[in-house]
């Protein structure tokens, strides 16, 4: 039997009654220095709010201008200024249309993941065989017809543990 992840070190269950709670969580996560070198996977059905969360997180870390969904491009790169004057590369991936592991090499994703920076991955299950172990996996599930969400945040690494709320 092949596991899709190593053992979860620790989890948190959260409740987002509305989008402002999602934004507040993103803002709190953005305050952690360890975030700038993290790999974070976002899981949930279509329309769960994965891209909405990423937009709030990117705004919270200082991305300005238009934040596009990488659905067709697979990856959208950003560069943010850090408080110490340094910069941080941020890569937002959407693997929804990822079908062939050879795309990984052809697109240069190995180099992106080997370089420093924050990696945010939607639909990571489509690229599971080539992705590194995530520091955090954020499962977002809609509750009813409203903006309410049930969220589970799982840490898989020591860096992930430091990012847990």
Protein backbone atom coordinates (compact mmCIF):
# COMPACT_ATOMS: atom_id res chain seq x y z
CA UNK A 1 0.00 0.00 0.00
CA UNK A 2 1.37 3.45 -0.94
CA UNK A 3 0.60 6.35 1.35
CA UNK A 4 -0.06 9.73 -0.20
CA UNK A 5 1.67 11.52 2.68
CA UNK A 6 3.97 10.64 5.54
CA UNK A 7 2.48 10.60 9.01
CA UNK A 8 0.73 13.74 10.20
CA UNK A 9 2.67 15.26 13.09
CA UNK A 10 -0.21 17.41 14.33
CA UNK A 11 -3.57 18.76 13.14
CA UNK A 12 -5.91 21.63 13.86
CA UNK A 13 -9.61 21.79 13.09
CA UNK A 14 -10.88 25.27 12.26
CA UNK A 15 -14.21 26.82 11.46
CA UNK A 16 -14.47 29.73 9.04
CA UNK A 17 -18.01 31.12 9.33
CA UNK A 18 -17.33 33.47 6.41
CA UNK A 19 -14.63 34.78 4.09
CA UNK A 20 -13.37 37.25 6.69
CA UNK A 21 -12.34 34.29 8.88
CA UNK A 22 -10.42 32.87 5.90
CA UNK A 23 -8.69 36.24 5.48
CA UNK A 24 -7.87 36.41 9.20
CA UNK A 25 -6.28 32.93 9.11
CA UNK A 26 -4.25 33.92 6.03
CA UNK A 27 -3.06 37.09 7.77
CA UNK A 28 -2.02 35.14 10.88
CA UNK A 29 -0.16 32.58 8.75
CA UNK A 30 1.61 35.37 6.85
CA UNK A 31 3.14 36.61 10.12
CA UNK A 32 5.31 33.47 10.45
CA UNK A 33 8.85 33.80 9.08
CA UNK A 34 8.91 30.04 8.34
CA UNK A 35 6.18 30.60 5.74
CA UNK A 36 8.71 32.03 3.30
CA UNK A 37 10.31 28.59 2.79
CA UNK A 38 7.19 26.42 3.12
CA UNK A 39 5.40 24.02 0.80
CA UNK A 40 1.66 24.24 1.41
CA UNK A 41 -0.92 22.06 -0.28
CA UNK A 42 -4.56 23.10 -0.49
CA UNK A 43 -7.20 20.41 -0.80
CA UNK A 44 -10.94 20.55 -1.28
CA UNK A 45 -13.60 20.25 -3.96
CA UNK A 46 -14.10 22.76 -6.76
CA UNK A 47 -15.38 26.00 -5.28
CA UNK A 48 -14.19 25.20 -1.75
CA UNK A 49 -12.15 28.39 -1.50
CA UNK A 50 -8.58 27.23 -2.18
CA UNK A 51 -7.79 30.08 -4.58
CA UNK A 52 -9.63 32.56 -2.36
CA UNK A 53 -7.41 31.53 0.56
CA UNK A 54 -4.28 31.87 -1.61
CA UNK A 55 -5.34 35.37 -2.69
CA UNK A 56 -5.80 36.41 0.95
CA UNK A 57 -2.42 34.90 1.87
CA UNK A 58 -0.62 36.57 -1.03
CA UNK A 59 -2.15 39.95 -0.14
CA UNK A 60 -1.13 39.42 3.50
CA UNK A 61 2.51 38.82 2.54
CA UNK A 62 2.59 41.88 0.32
CA UNK A 63 1.69 40.84 -3.22
CA UNK A 64 0.22 43.83 -5.02
CA UNK A 65 -1.65 44.03 -8.28
CA UNK A 66 -3.67 41.32 -9.94
CA UNK A 67 -3.50 37.83 -8.46
CA UNK A 68 -4.43 35.35 -11.18
CA UNK A 69 -5.50 31.76 -10.78
CA UNK A 70 -2.86 29.48 -12.33
CA UNK A 71 -5.48 27.04 -13.65
CA UNK A 72 -4.29 27.27 -17.26
CA UNK A 73 -0.68 28.36 -16.72
CA UNK A 74 -0.15 25.74 -13.94
CA UNK A 75 2.09 28.19 -12.03
CA UNK A 76 1.97 31.92 -11.30
CA UNK A 77 5.21 33.36 -9.87
CA UNK A 78 5.43 36.33 -7.49
CA UNK A 79 8.23 38.14 -5.71
CA UNK A 80 7.57 39.83 -2.36
CA UNK A 81 9.69 42.15 -0.26
CA UNK A 82 10.44 40.87 3.23
CA UNK A 83 10.67 43.13 6.31
CA UNK A 84 14.47 42.63 6.44
CA UNK A 85 14.83 44.07 2.93
CA UNK A 86 15.33 40.68 1.28
CA UNK A 87 12.85 39.20 -1.20
CA UNK A 88 10.93 35.94 -1.29
CA UNK A 89 9.92 34.01 -4.39
CA UNK A 90 6.37 32.70 -4.25
CA UNK A 91 4.99 30.11 -6.66
CA UNK A 92 1.26 29.39 -6.81
CA UNK A 93 0.57 26.09 -8.57
CA UNK A 94 -2.70 24.64 -9.79
CA UNK A 95 -2.18 21.03 -10.83
CA UNK A 96 -5.84 20.46 -11.82
CA UNK A 97 -4.88 19.88 -15.48
CA UNK A 98 -1.57 18.14 -14.69
CA UNK A 99 -1.69 14.70 -16.27
CA UNK A 100 1.82 13.60 -17.13
CA UNK A 101 4.78 13.52 -14.72
CA UNK A 102 7.04 14.35 -17.70
CA UNK A 103 5.43 17.82 -17.61
CA UNK A 104 7.23 18.27 -14.27
CA UNK A 105 10.64 18.16 -15.91
CA UNK A 106 9.61 19.93 -19.11
CA UNK A 107 8.13 22.89 -17.22
CA UNK A 108 11.10 23.26 -14.85
CA UNK A 109 9.09 22.57 -11.71
CA UNK A 110 11.94 20.56 -10.17
CA UNK A 111 14.06 23.73 -10.23
CA UNK A 112 11.29 25.83 -8.70
CA UNK A 113 10.80 23.38 -5.82
CA UNK A 114 14.57 23.11 -5.27
CA UNK A 115 14.93 26.89 -4.98
CA UNK A 116 14.12 28.90 -1.85
CA UNK A 117 10.65 30.36 -1.52
CA UNK A 118 7.02 29.69 -0.72
CA UNK A 119 5.18 27.09 -2.80
CA UNK A 120 1.38 26.98 -2.73
CA UNK A 121 -0.13 23.93 -4.45
CA UNK A 122 -3.75 23.43 -5.39
CA UNK A 123 -4.83 19.96 -6.60
CA UNK A 124 -1.54 18.47 -5.37
CA UNK A 125 -3.00 14.95 -5.62
CA UNK A 126 -2.61 15.23 -9.43
CA UNK A 127 1.18 15.62 -9.02
CA UNK A 128 1.66 13.56 -5.85
CA UNK A 129 4.36 11.31 -7.32
CA UNK A 130 6.71 14.23 -8.03
CA UNK A 131 5.95 16.69 -5.22
CA UNK A 132 8.11 17.00 -2.10
CA UNK A 133 6.56 16.42 1.30
CA UNK A 134 4.34 19.37 2.17
CA UNK A 135 4.97 21.28 5.38
CA UNK A 136 1.24 21.96 5.71
CA UNK A 137 -1.83 20.54 4.03
CA UNK A 138 -4.96 22.69 4.36
CA UNK A 139 -8.22 20.83 3.67
CA UNK A 140 -11.11 23.25 2.99
CA UNK A 141 -14.65 21.89 2.92
CA UNK A 142 -17.80 23.94 2.26
CA UNK A 143 -20.54 23.66 4.85
CA UNK A 144 -24.04 24.15 3.47
CA UNK A 145 -24.74 26.76 0.81
CA UNK A 146 -23.12 29.74 2.53
CA UNK A 147 -19.54 30.96 2.82
CA UNK A 148 -18.99 28.73 5.86
CA UNK A 149 -16.03 26.35 5.74
CA UNK A 150 -14.70 23.49 7.85
CA UNK A 151 -10.92 23.46 7.69
CA UNK A 152 -8.34 20.91 8.78
CA UNK A 153 -4.70 21.98 8.86
CA UNK A 154 -2.20 19.11 8.99
CA UNK A 155 1.53 19.54 9.70
CA UNK A 156 3.91 17.02 8.14
CA UNK A 157 7.25 18.62 9.05
CA UNK A 158 8.84 20.60 11.88
CA UNK A 159 8.41 23.75 9.76
CA UNK A 160 4.73 22.85 9.36
CA UNK A 161 4.37 22.46 13.13
CA UNK A 162 5.70 25.99 13.58
CA UNK A 163 3.03 27.30 11.19
CA UNK A 164 0.04 25.67 12.90
CA UNK A 165 -2.47 28.09 14.44
